[in-house]
C-alpha atoms as a PDB file:
ATOM      1  CA  MET A   1       0.000   0.000   0.000  1.00  0.00           C
ATOM      2  CA  ALA A   2       1.372   3.400  -0.938  1.00  0.00           C
ATOM      3  CA  ASP A   3       1.946   5.970   1.776  1.00  0.00           C
ATOM      4  CA  THR A   4      -0.611   8.290   0.195  1.00  0.00           C
ATOM      5  CA  ASP A   5      -3.233   5.530   0.199  1.00  0.00           C
ATOM      6  CA  LEU A   6      -2.672   4.854   3.903  1.00  0.00           C
ATOM      7  CA  ALA A   7      -2.780   8.581   4.705  1.00  0.00           C
ATOM      8  CA  ALA A   8      -6.098   8.811   2.827  1.00  0.00           C
ATOM      9  CA  GLN A   9      -7.508   5.872   4.816  1.00  0.00           C
ATOM     10  CA  ILE A  10      -6.467   7.546   8.068  1.00  0.00           C
ATOM     11  CA  LYS A  11      -8.122  10.790   7.005  1.00  0.00           C
ATOM     12  CA  THR A  12     -11.300   8.852   6.184  1.00  0.00           C
ATOM     13  CA  ALA A  13     -11.250   7.377   9.697  1.00  0.00           C
ATOM     14  CA  LEU A  14     -10.699  10.843  11.195  1.00  0.00           C
ATOM     15  CA  ALA A  15     -13.844  11.998   9.375  1.00  0.00           C
ATOM     16  CA  ARG A  16     -15.828   9.850  11.823  1.00  0.00           C
ATOM     17  CA  VAL A  17     -14.395  11.723  14.833  1.00  0.00           C
ATOM     18  CA  GLU A  18     -16.672  14.596  15.871  1.00  0.00           C
ATOM     19  CA  ILE A  19     -15.032  17.681  17.330  1.00  0.00           C
ATOM     20  CA  PRO A  20     -16.460  20.091  19.916  1.00  0.00           C
ATOM     21  CA  GLY A  21     -18.434  22.834  18.229  1.00  0.00           C
ATOM     22  CA  GLY A  22     -19.433  20.615  15.320  1.00  0.00           C
ATOM     23  CA  GLY A  23     -17.685  19.172  12.343  1.00  0.00           C
ATOM     24  CA  ASP A  24     -15.220  16.340  12.047  1.00  0.00           C
ATOM     25  CA  LEU A  25     -11.510  15.966  12.588  1.00  0.00           C
ATOM     26  CA  ALA A  26     -10.660  15.251   8.955  1.00  0.00           C
ATOM     27  CA  THR A  27     -11.908  18.667   7.789  1.00  0.00           C
ATOM     28  CA  TYR A  28     -10.715  20.572  10.868  1.00  0.00           C
ATOM     29  CA  ALA A  29      -8.219  23.301   9.926  1.00  0.00           C
ATOM     30  CA  GLY A  30      -6.063  22.428  12.943  1.00  0.00           C
ATOM     31  CA  LEU A  31      -5.224  18.967  11.589  1.00  0.00           C
ATOM     32  CA  SER A  32      -1.696  18.792  10.230  1.00  0.00           C
ATOM     33  CA  GLU A  33      -0.494  16.808   7.259  1.00  0.00           C
ATOM     34  CA  ILE A  34      -0.618  13.054   7.855  1.00  0.00           C
ATOM     35  CA  ILE A  35       2.915  11.692   7.528  1.00  0.00           C
ATOM     36  CA  VAL A  36       3.409   7.982   6.840  1.00  0.00           C
ATOM     37  CA  THR A  37       6.843   6.360   7.048  1.00  0.00           C
ATOM     38  CA  PRO A  38       7.791   2.677   7.112  1.00  0.00           C
ATOM     39  CA  GLY A  39       7.978   2.754  10.926  1.00  0.00           C
ATOM     40  CA  ALA A  40       5.462   5.387  12.013  1.00  0.00           C
ATOM     41  CA  ILE A  41       2.405   7.456  11.264  1.00  0.00           C
ATOM     42  CA  ALA A  42       2.261  11.010  12.564  1.00  0.00           C
ATOM     43  CA  PHE A  43      -0.114  13.944  12.599  1.00  0.00           C
ATOM     44  CA  ALA A  44      -0.823  16.797  14.951  1.00  0.00           C
ATOM     45  CA  ILE A  45      -4.029  18.438  16.097  1.00  0.00           C
ATOM     46  CA  ALA A  46      -4.019  22.078  17.159  1.00  0.00           C
ATOM     47  CA  VAL A  47      -6.656  22.796  19.784  1.00  0.00           C
ATOM     48  CA  ALA A  48      -8.485  26.063  19.223  1.00  0.00           C
ATOM     49  CA  THR A  49      -9.936  28.250  21.956  1.00  0.00           C
ATOM     50  CA  GLY A  50     -13.288  26.914  23.054  1.00  0.00           C
ATOM     51  CA  MET A  51     -12.532  23.320  22.100  1.00  0.00           C
ATOM     52  CA  LYS A  52     -11.630  22.206  25.604  1.00  0.00           C
ATOM     53  CA  PRO A  53     -14.117  19.918  27.306  1.00  0.00           C
ATOM     54  CA  PRO A  54     -16.628  21.647  29.587  1.00  0.00           C
ATOM     55  CA  SER A  55     -14.961  20.352  32.739  1.00  0.00           C
ATOM     56  CA  ALA A  56     -11.375  20.979  33.745  1.00  0.00           C
ATOM     57  CA  PRO A  57      -8.944  18.077  33.978  1.00  0.00           C
ATOM     58  CA  LEU A  58      -8.862  16.236  37.283  1.00  0.00           C
ATOM     59  CA  ALA A  59      -5.403  17.561  38.046  1.00  0.00           C
ATOM     60  CA  THR A  60      -6.755  21.115  38.277  1.00  0.00           C
ATOM     61  CA  LYS A  61      -9.705  20.076  40.441  1.00  0.00           C
ATOM     62  CA  ARG A  62      -7.667  18.422  43.191  1.00  0.00           C
ATOM     63  CA  LYS A  63      -8.006  19.888  46.604  1.00  0.00           C
ATOM     64  CA  LYS A  64      -5.026  20.600  48.795  1.00  0.00           C
ATOM     65  CA  PRO A  65      -4.154  17.640  50.976  1.00  0.00           C
ATOM     66  CA  ARG A  66      -5.823  17.692  54.355  1.00  0.00           C
ATOM     67  CA  LYS A  67      -3.748  18.004  57.466  1.00  0.00           C
ATOM     68  CA  PRO A  68      -4.205  15.134  59.893  1.00  0.00           C
ATOM     69  CA  SER A  69      -6.561  15.915  62.718  1.00  0.00           C
ATOM     70  CA  ALA A  70      -5.106  16.420  66.183  1.00  0.00           C
ATOM     71  CA  ALA A  71      -6.589  13.085  67.289  1.00  0.00           C
ATOM     72  CA  LEU A  72      -4.743  11.210  64.542  1.00  0.00           C
ATOM     73  CA  ALA A  73      -1.488  13.069  65.093  1.00  0.00           C
ATOM     74  CA  ARG A  74      -1.058  11.608  68.614  1.00  0.00           C
END
């Protein structure tokens, strides 16, 4: 299979991925060129403002660790 054929198949698969705000990943302007080499396939996706999920990642929602109560500290 030629590299261009495989890149086209990947782009077809990306057309089934919906992006926030509507549309699909294959036609999204933030999708880079799909690069196919004998050992790897690479592409990048630039995330535009407003495309983040509605909730923040868990890492930003963590609370500060609690200090042990005086009863446990004894």
